[in-house]
Amino acid sequence: MAAKGQAAKSASGAAMSKYDVEVESRLKALEAAVRALQTHEHTSPAAAGADDGSRVTKLVDKLNSITAITDHCAKDANGVRRIDI
């Protein structure tokens, strides 16, 4: 921060107002946050395993027990109407 009575200087040497200094610091913080997000990695639940009794599998099983839903589904190889994902 500049000493009292002196304007802050930008990288090019131009004088900066108090507002400009505040905006510059916020911009640097935002740029740092963007860099952190760009390098952030995580694994999705779908990548963790194929069919591990997940919530989706349980949901499909529940939906398959409702005839009002399965009446609109195509028949499988056994001739049973089911949701097939």
N, C-alpha and C. Protein backbone atom coordinates (compact mmCIF):
# COMPACT_ATOMS: atom_id res chain seq x y z
N MET A 1 0.85 -1.16 0.00
CA MET A 1 0.00 0.00 0.00
C MET A 1 0.89 1.22 0.00
N ALA A 2 0.47 2.26 -0.58
CA ALA A 2 1.26 3.49 -0.67
C ALA A 2 1.27 4.22 0.67
N ALA A 3 2.33 4.99 0.87
CA ALA A 3 2.42 5.79 2.08
C ALA A 3 1.39 6.91 2.02
N LYS A 4 1.04 7.43 3.19
CA LYS A 4 0.03 8.49 3.24
C LYS A 4 0.49 9.70 2.44
N GLY A 5 -0.40 10.21 1.60
CA GLY A 5 -0.08 11.37 0.79
C GLY A 5 0.48 11.02 -0.57
N GLN A 6 0.70 9.74 -0.85
CA GLN A 6 1.21 9.34 -2.16
C GLN A 6 0.21 8.40 -2.82
N ALA A 7 0.05 8.56 -4.11
CA ALA A 7 -0.86 7.68 -4.86
C ALA A 7 -0.16 6.36 -5.11
N ALA A 8 -0.93 5.29 -5.13
CA ALA A 8 -0.38 3.98 -5.47
C ALA A 8 -0.02 3.99 -6.95
N LYS A 9 0.92 3.14 -7.30
CA LYS A 9 1.36 3.08 -8.70
C LYS A 9 0.98 1.74 -9.29
N SER A 10 0.54 1.75 -10.53
CA SER A 10 0.22 0.51 -11.23
C SER A 10 1.51 -0.11 -11.76
N ALA A 11 1.41 -1.26 -12.38
CA ALA A 11 2.58 -1.93 -12.95
C ALA A 11 3.25 -1.06 -14.00
N SER A 12 2.49 -0.24 -14.68
CA SER A 12 3.05 0.64 -15.72
C SER A 12 3.58 1.95 -15.14
N GLY A 13 3.39 2.16 -13.84
CA GLY A 13 3.86 3.38 -13.21
C GLY A 13 2.82 4.47 -13.11
N ALA A 14 1.64 4.24 -13.62
CA ALA A 14 0.58 5.24 -13.57
C ALA A 14 -0.01 5.31 -12.16
N ALA A 15 -0.44 6.49 -11.75
CA ALA A 15 -1.05 6.66 -10.44
C ALA A 15 -2.40 5.96 -10.41
N MET A 16 -2.70 5.35 -9.25
CA MET A 16 -3.96 4.63 -9.08
C MET A 16 -4.73 5.24 -7.92
N SER A 17 -6.04 5.39 -8.09
CA SER A 17 -6.87 5.88 -7.00
C SER A 17 -7.09 4.77 -5.98
N LYS A 18 -7.65 5.13 -4.83
CA LYS A 18 -7.96 4.15 -3.79
C LYS A 18 -8.91 3.09 -4.34
N TYR A 19 -9.87 3.51 -5.15
CA TYR A 19 -10.82 2.58 -5.77
C TYR A 19 -10.09 1.63 -6.71
N ASP A 20 -9.16 2.18 -7.51
CA ASP A 20 -8.41 1.34 -8.44
C ASP A 20 -7.59 0.29 -7.70
N VAL A 21 -7.01 0.69 -6.57
CA VAL A 21 -6.22 -0.26 -5.77
C VAL A 21 -7.12 -1.37 -5.25
N GLU A 22 -8.31 -1.01 -4.77
CA GLU A 22 -9.25 -2.01 -4.26
C GLU A 22 -9.69 -2.96 -5.37
N VAL A 23 -10.00 -2.41 -6.54
CA VAL A 23 -10.43 -3.24 -7.67
C VAL A 23 -9.30 -4.17 -8.11
N GLU A 24 -8.09 -3.66 -8.12
CA GLU A 24 -6.93 -4.47 -8.51
C GLU A 24 -6.74 -5.63 -7.54
N SER A 25 -6.90 -5.39 -6.24
CA SER A 25 -6.74 -6.49 -5.28
C SER A 25 -7.84 -7.52 -5.42
N ARG A 26 -9.06 -7.07 -5.69
CA ARG A 26 -10.17 -8.02 -5.90
C ARG A 26 -9.96 -8.83 -7.18
N LEU A 27 -9.46 -8.18 -8.21
CA LEU A 27 -9.20 -8.88 -9.47
C LEU A 27 -8.14 -9.96 -9.27
N LYS A 28 -7.08 -9.63 -8.53
CA LYS A 28 -6.04 -10.63 -8.27
C LYS A 28 -6.60 -11.81 -7.49
N ALA A 29 -7.48 -11.54 -6.52
CA ALA A 29 -8.09 -12.62 -5.74
C ALA A 29 -8.98 -13.49 -6.63
N LEU A 30 -9.73 -12.86 -7.52
CA LEU A 30 -10.58 -13.64 -8.44
C LEU A 30 -9.75 -14.48 -9.39
N GLU A 31 -8.67 -13.91 -9.90
CA GLU A 31 -7.80 -14.67 -10.80
C GLU A 31 -7.18 -15.87 -10.09
N ALA A 32 -6.80 -15.69 -8.83
CA ALA A 32 -6.25 -16.81 -8.05
C ALA A 32 -7.31 -17.89 -7.85
N ALA A 33 -8.55 -17.48 -7.58
CA ALA A 33 -9.63 -18.45 -7.40
C ALA A 33 -9.91 -19.21 -8.69
N VAL A 34 -9.86 -18.53 -9.82
CA VAL A 34 -10.08 -19.19 -11.11
C VAL A 34 -8.97 -20.21 -11.36
N ARG A 35 -7.73 -19.83 -11.07
CA ARG A 35 -6.61 -20.78 -11.26
C ARG A 35 -6.81 -22.01 -10.38
N ALA A 36 -7.27 -21.81 -9.15
CA ALA A 36 -7.49 -22.94 -8.25
C ALA A 36 -8.60 -23.84 -8.77
N LEU A 37 -9.66 -23.25 -9.31
CA LEU A 37 -10.76 -24.04 -9.86
C LEU A 37 -10.34 -24.79 -11.12
N GLN A 38 -9.49 -24.18 -11.92
CA GLN A 38 -9.05 -24.83 -13.16
C GLN A 38 -8.20 -26.05 -12.88
N THR A 39 -7.51 -26.09 -11.77
CA THR A 39 -6.67 -27.24 -11.45
C THR A 39 -7.37 -28.22 -10.51
N HIS A 40 -8.60 -27.90 -10.09
CA HIS A 40 -9.36 -28.77 -9.19
C HIS A 40 -9.80 -30.03 -9.91
N GLU A 41 -9.64 -31.16 -9.26
CA GLU A 41 -10.08 -32.44 -9.83
C GLU A 41 -10.84 -33.22 -8.78
N HIS A 42 -11.80 -33.99 -9.22
CA HIS A 42 -12.51 -34.91 -8.34
C HIS A 42 -13.03 -36.05 -9.19
N THR A 43 -13.34 -37.15 -8.53
CA THR A 43 -13.89 -38.30 -9.24
C THR A 43 -15.40 -38.29 -9.08
N SER A 44 -16.07 -38.63 -10.14
CA SER A 44 -17.53 -38.69 -10.09
C SER A 44 -17.95 -40.05 -9.56
N PRO A 45 -19.12 -40.15 -8.95
CA PRO A 45 -19.60 -41.43 -8.45
C PRO A 45 -19.73 -42.47 -9.57
N ALA A 46 -20.06 -42.04 -10.78
CA ALA A 46 -20.20 -42.98 -11.88
C ALA A 46 -18.86 -43.61 -12.24
N ALA A 47 -17.78 -42.87 -12.07
CA ALA A 47 -16.46 -43.40 -12.40
C ALA A 47 -15.94 -44.34 -11.32
N ALA A 48 -16.53 -44.30 -10.14
CA ALA A 48 -16.06 -45.11 -9.03
C ALA A 48 -16.31 -46.60 -9.25
N GLY A 49 -17.42 -46.95 -9.86
CA GLY A 49 -17.73 -48.35 -10.07
C GLY A 49 -18.98 -48.50 -10.91
N ALA A 50 -19.12 -49.64 -11.57
CA ALA A 50 -20.24 -49.84 -12.48
C ALA A 50 -21.56 -49.94 -11.71
N ASP A 51 -21.88 -51.12 -11.21
CA ASP A 51 -23.16 -51.32 -10.51
C ASP A 51 -22.86 -51.80 -9.10
N ASP A 52 -22.77 -50.89 -8.18
CA ASP A 52 -22.41 -51.22 -6.81
C ASP A 52 -23.59 -51.06 -5.85
N GLY A 53 -24.82 -51.28 -6.36
CA GLY A 53 -26.00 -51.11 -5.52
C GLY A 53 -26.24 -49.65 -5.21
N SER A 54 -25.93 -48.81 -6.16
CA SER A 54 -26.04 -47.38 -5.95
C SER A 54 -27.49 -46.93 -5.82
N ARG A 55 -27.65 -45.67 -5.47
CA ARG A 55 -28.99 -45.11 -5.30
C ARG A 55 -29.77 -45.14 -6.61
N VAL A 56 -29.09 -44.97 -7.73
CA VAL A 56 -29.78 -45.00 -9.02
C VAL A 56 -30.36 -46.38 -9.28
N THR A 57 -29.58 -47.40 -8.99
CA THR A 57 -30.06 -48.77 -9.18
C THR A 57 -31.28 -49.04 -8.31
N LYS A 58 -31.22 -48.58 -7.07
CA LYS A 58 -32.36 -48.76 -6.16
C LYS A 58 -33.59 -48.01 -6.66
N LEU A 59 -33.37 -46.81 -7.19
CA LEU A 59 -34.48 -46.02 -7.72
C LEU A 59 -35.12 -46.72 -8.92
N VAL A 60 -34.31 -47.24 -9.82
CA VAL A 60 -34.84 -47.95 -10.99
C VAL A 60 -35.62 -49.17 -10.56
N ASP A 61 -35.13 -49.89 -9.57
CA ASP A 61 -35.86 -51.06 -9.06
C ASP A 61 -37.23 -50.66 -8.49
N LYS A 62 -37.27 -49.55 -7.76
CA LYS A 62 -38.54 -49.07 -7.22
C LYS A 62 -39.49 -48.67 -8.35
N LEU A 63 -38.96 -47.97 -9.35
CA LEU A 63 -39.80 -47.55 -10.48
C LEU A 63 -40.32 -48.76 -11.26
N ASN A 64 -39.52 -49.79 -11.37
CA ASN A 64 -39.95 -51.00 -12.07
C ASN A 64 -41.05 -51.74 -11.32
N SER A 65 -41.25 -51.45 -10.06
CA SER A 65 -42.31 -52.10 -9.30
C SER A 65 -43.65 -51.37 -9.45
N ILE A 66 -43.65 -50.25 -10.17
CA ILE A 66 -44.88 -49.46 -10.37
C ILE A 66 -45.40 -49.74 -11.78
N THR A 67 -46.53 -50.43 -11.87
CA THR A 67 -47.06 -50.83 -13.19
C THR A 67 -47.49 -49.63 -14.03
N ALA A 68 -47.90 -48.55 -13.41
CA ALA A 68 -48.28 -47.36 -14.19
C ALA A 68 -47.09 -46.81 -14.97
N ILE A 69 -45.90 -47.06 -14.47
CA ILE A 69 -44.69 -46.61 -15.18
C ILE A 69 -44.24 -47.66 -16.18
N THR A 70 -44.18 -48.91 -15.77
CA THR A 70 -43.67 -49.95 -16.65
C THR A 70 -44.60 -50.24 -17.82
N ASP A 71 -45.88 -49.87 -17.72
CA ASP A 71 -46.80 -50.05 -18.84
C ASP A 71 -46.35 -49.26 -20.07
N HIS A 72 -45.56 -48.22 -19.85
CA HIS A 72 -45.09 -47.37 -20.95
C HIS A 72 -43.69 -47.74 -21.42
N CYS A 73 -43.12 -48.79 -20.86
CA CYS A 73 -41.76 -49.22 -21.21
C CYS A 73 -41.81 -50.32 -22.25
N ALA A 74 -40.71 -50.46 -22.96
CA ALA A 74 -40.58 -51.55 -23.94
C ALA A 74 -40.36 -52.87 -23.21
N LYS A 75 -40.72 -53.95 -23.87
CA LYS A 75 -40.52 -55.28 -23.28
C LYS A 75 -39.06 -55.69 -23.45
N ASP A 76 -38.55 -56.39 -22.43
CA ASP A 76 -37.19 -56.90 -22.53
C ASP A 76 -37.20 -58.24 -23.26
N ALA A 77 -36.07 -58.94 -23.27
CA ALA A 77 -35.94 -60.22 -23.99
C ALA A 77 -36.89 -61.28 -23.44
N ASN A 78 -37.29 -61.16 -22.19
CA ASN A 78 -38.20 -62.12 -21.58
C ASN A 78 -39.67 -61.72 -21.73
N GLY A 79 -39.92 -60.60 -22.39
CA GLY A 79 -41.28 -60.14 -22.60
C GLY A 79 -41.83 -59.34 -21.43
N VAL A 80 -40.97 -58.94 -20.52
CA VAL A 80 -41.38 -58.17 -19.33
C VAL A 80 -41.11 -56.69 -19.60
N ARG A 81 -42.08 -55.87 -19.28
CA ARG A 81 -41.90 -54.42 -19.46
C ARG A 81 -41.14 -53.87 -18.25
N ARG A 82 -39.99 -53.27 -18.54
CA ARG A 82 -39.13 -52.74 -17.48
C ARG A 82 -38.36 -51.53 -17.98
N ILE A 83 -37.94 -50.68 -17.03
CA ILE A 83 -37.03 -49.59 -17.35
C ILE A 83 -35.65 -50.22 -17.50
N ASP A 84 -35.02 -49.94 -18.61
CA ASP A 84 -33.70 -50.53 -18.88
C ASP A 84 -32.72 -49.39 -19.15
N ILE A 85 -31.78 -49.24 -18.22
CA ILE A 85 -30.75 -48.21 -18.41
C ILE A 85 -29.37 -48.81 -18.47
